[in-house]
């Protein structure tokens, strides 16, 4: 499980790997109306299963398919994760929400960048501990903790 990474203190994630951002950032705040980050809405791997320590959806996707921001926010992690996520992006949406996108083949954003909902942030891949191309997608709320994305994606 990755730690919560927020725009005020993204450097707390330096133990995750070289993609950690080290500056505090300010910027756009999301709408809290989250859209699907890839075109497919079905699993290729694990679903949300806290009992198995899997707090994400492993969404099917073709190698190189665009991954988009589920909501507007600021990039607080962009790069390699040493925790098995491979190439990873974390967005802080403000209002206590973060989303995490992992196993990317390409990262198209950088630390501190403002991204708008629907903007391309990377490409589906199989980096890290992924055996097939997929998007490992996590959502976290300060109020609700780690949440099942099925309950929040529109």
Protein backbone atom coordinates (compact mmCIF):
# COMPACT_ATOMS: atom_id res chain seq x y z
CA UNK A 1 0.00 0.00 0.00
CA UNK A 2 1.27 3.41 -0.87
CA UNK A 3 1.15 6.22 1.68
CA UNK A 4 -1.10 9.21 1.20
CA UNK A 5 0.72 11.84 -0.86
CA UNK A 6 -0.64 15.38 -0.71
CA UNK A 7 0.31 18.62 -2.40
CA UNK A 8 1.48 20.26 0.83
CA UNK A 9 3.99 17.50 1.67
CA UNK A 10 4.66 15.28 -1.36
CA UNK A 11 8.24 14.64 -0.20
CA UNK A 12 6.89 12.23 2.42
CA UNK A 13 6.81 9.71 -0.46
CA UNK A 14 10.57 9.67 -1.07
CA UNK A 15 10.70 6.09 0.23
CA UNK A 16 8.50 5.01 -2.71
CA UNK A 17 11.18 5.66 -5.30
CA UNK A 18 12.74 8.20 -7.64
CA UNK A 19 9.38 9.54 -8.87
CA UNK A 20 8.80 11.34 -5.58
CA UNK A 21 8.16 15.07 -5.83
CA UNK A 22 9.98 17.19 -3.27
CA UNK A 23 8.33 20.61 -3.40
CA UNK A 24 5.00 21.76 -1.98
CA UNK A 25 2.50 22.64 -4.72
CA UNK A 26 -0.59 24.72 -5.09
CA UNK A 27 -2.98 24.66 -7.99
CA UNK A 28 -6.25 23.53 -9.44
CA UNK A 29 -8.79 21.72 -7.27
CA UNK A 30 -10.95 18.97 -8.72
CA UNK A 31 -14.72 18.70 -8.85
CA UNK A 32 -14.92 15.39 -6.91
CA UNK A 33 -16.85 14.03 -9.90
CA UNK A 34 -14.45 11.29 -11.07
CA UNK A 35 -14.43 9.85 -14.59
CA UNK A 36 -12.96 6.54 -15.78
CA UNK A 37 -9.20 6.86 -16.41
CA UNK A 38 -9.22 4.33 -19.29
CA UNK A 39 -11.80 3.32 -21.88
CA UNK A 40 -12.43 -0.16 -20.52
CA UNK A 41 -14.50 -0.63 -17.38
CA UNK A 42 -13.55 -4.21 -16.60
CA UNK A 43 -10.82 -5.94 -14.64
CA UNK A 44 -7.79 -7.70 -16.03
CA UNK A 45 -6.40 -8.48 -12.59
CA UNK A 46 -7.47 -7.88 -9.03
CA UNK A 47 -10.44 -5.87 -7.91
CA UNK A 48 -10.76 -3.80 -4.75
CA UNK A 49 -10.10 -6.33 -1.97
CA UNK A 50 -8.86 -4.93 1.37
CA UNK A 51 -8.60 -8.47 2.76
CA UNK A 52 -5.96 -9.23 0.12
CA UNK A 53 -4.26 -5.84 0.68
CA UNK A 54 -5.38 -4.68 -2.79
CA UNK A 55 -6.96 -1.24 -2.56
CA UNK A 56 -7.34 -0.66 -6.30
CA UNK A 57 -8.86 -1.80 -9.55
CA UNK A 58 -6.58 -3.41 -12.14
CA UNK A 59 -8.33 -2.14 -15.23
CA UNK A 60 -7.86 -3.75 -18.63
CA UNK A 61 -6.16 -1.69 -21.28
CA UNK A 62 -4.15 -2.11 -24.44
CA UNK A 63 -0.42 -1.40 -24.32
CA UNK A 64 0.02 2.30 -25.09
CA UNK A 65 -3.65 3.24 -24.60
CA UNK A 66 -4.03 6.76 -23.12
CA UNK A 67 -4.60 7.09 -19.37
CA UNK A 68 -6.47 10.24 -18.40
CA UNK A 69 -6.89 12.19 -15.19
CA UNK A 70 -10.03 11.07 -13.36
CA UNK A 71 -10.41 14.62 -12.02
CA UNK A 72 -8.46 17.87 -12.14
CA UNK A 73 -5.52 18.20 -9.77
CA UNK A 74 -1.80 18.63 -9.20
CA UNK A 75 0.86 15.97 -9.86
CA UNK A 76 2.48 14.96 -6.54
CA UNK A 77 4.31 11.83 -7.78
CA UNK A 78 5.57 11.17 -11.30
CA UNK A 79 8.08 8.43 -12.02
CA UNK A 80 9.31 5.02 -11.03
CA UNK A 81 8.02 3.40 -7.84
CA UNK A 82 10.19 0.84 -6.07
CA UNK A 83 7.08 -0.75 -4.51
CA UNK A 84 6.06 -2.80 -7.54
CA UNK A 85 3.91 -0.11 -9.16
CA UNK A 86 6.43 0.57 -11.94
CA UNK A 87 5.89 3.94 -13.58
CA UNK A 88 3.37 5.76 -11.40
CA UNK A 89 1.53 9.07 -11.22
CA UNK A 90 -0.35 10.39 -8.18
CA UNK A 91 -2.68 13.37 -8.45
CA UNK A 92 -3.83 15.43 -5.49
CA UNK A 93 -7.27 16.80 -6.32
CA UNK A 94 -7.59 19.07 -3.30
CA UNK A 95 -10.53 18.67 -0.93
CA UNK A 96 -8.77 15.62 0.55
CA UNK A 97 -8.82 13.40 -2.58
CA UNK A 98 -5.94 11.65 -4.37
CA UNK A 99 -5.81 9.19 -7.27
CA UNK A 100 -2.95 6.84 -8.18
CA UNK A 101 -2.19 5.45 -11.66
CA UNK A 102 0.40 2.65 -11.92
CA UNK A 103 2.14 0.24 -14.35
CA UNK A 104 2.29 3.02 -16.98
CA UNK A 105 4.48 2.49 -20.04
CA UNK A 106 4.95 6.26 -20.43
CA UNK A 107 4.45 9.14 -18.00
CA UNK A 108 3.27 12.33 -19.70
CA UNK A 109 3.26 14.71 -16.69
CA UNK A 110 5.79 16.03 -14.21
CA UNK A 111 5.90 17.06 -10.56
CA UNK A 112 3.81 20.10 -9.69
CA UNK A 113 2.00 20.17 -13.03
CA UNK A 114 -1.67 21.14 -13.01
CA UNK A 115 -3.80 18.71 -15.01
CA UNK A 116 -7.42 19.02 -15.98
CA UNK A 117 -9.94 16.21 -15.84
CA UNK A 118 -9.65 14.13 -19.01
CA UNK A 119 -6.08 15.23 -19.80
CA UNK A 120 -3.66 12.48 -20.79
CA UNK A 121 -1.24 11.72 -17.95
CA UNK A 122 0.40 8.59 -19.37
CA UNK A 123 -0.02 5.38 -21.31
CA UNK A 124 -1.16 1.90 -20.22
CA UNK A 125 1.72 -0.47 -19.67
CA UNK A 126 3.04 -3.45 -17.76
CA UNK A 127 5.88 -1.91 -15.73
CA UNK A 128 6.59 -3.01 -12.17
CA UNK A 129 4.79 -6.12 -10.92
CA UNK A 130 2.30 -6.36 -13.80
CA UNK A 131 2.19 -9.43 -16.01
CA UNK A 132 -0.10 -7.90 -18.68
CA UNK A 133 -0.86 -4.33 -19.77
CA UNK A 134 -3.21 -2.75 -17.24
CA UNK A 135 -3.92 0.32 -15.16
CA UNK A 136 -3.67 -0.13 -11.41
CA UNK A 137 -6.01 2.64 -10.20
CA UNK A 138 -6.44 3.73 -6.58
CA UNK A 139 -8.58 6.41 -4.96
CA UNK A 140 -8.13 7.85 -1.49
CA UNK A 141 -10.12 10.35 0.53
CA UNK A 142 -9.11 12.02 3.78
CA UNK A 143 -12.69 11.49 4.96
CA UNK A 144 -13.29 7.91 3.77
CA UNK A 145 -9.76 6.46 3.52
CA UNK A 146 -9.04 4.05 0.68
CA UNK A 147 -12.21 3.69 -1.31
CA UNK A 148 -13.46 1.28 -3.94
CA UNK A 149 -13.26 3.17 -7.25
CA UNK A 150 -16.38 1.34 -8.50
CA UNK A 151 -18.35 3.43 -5.99
CA UNK A 152 -17.00 6.80 -7.21
CA UNK A 153 -16.33 6.61 -10.96
CA UNK A 154 -18.91 8.10 -13.36
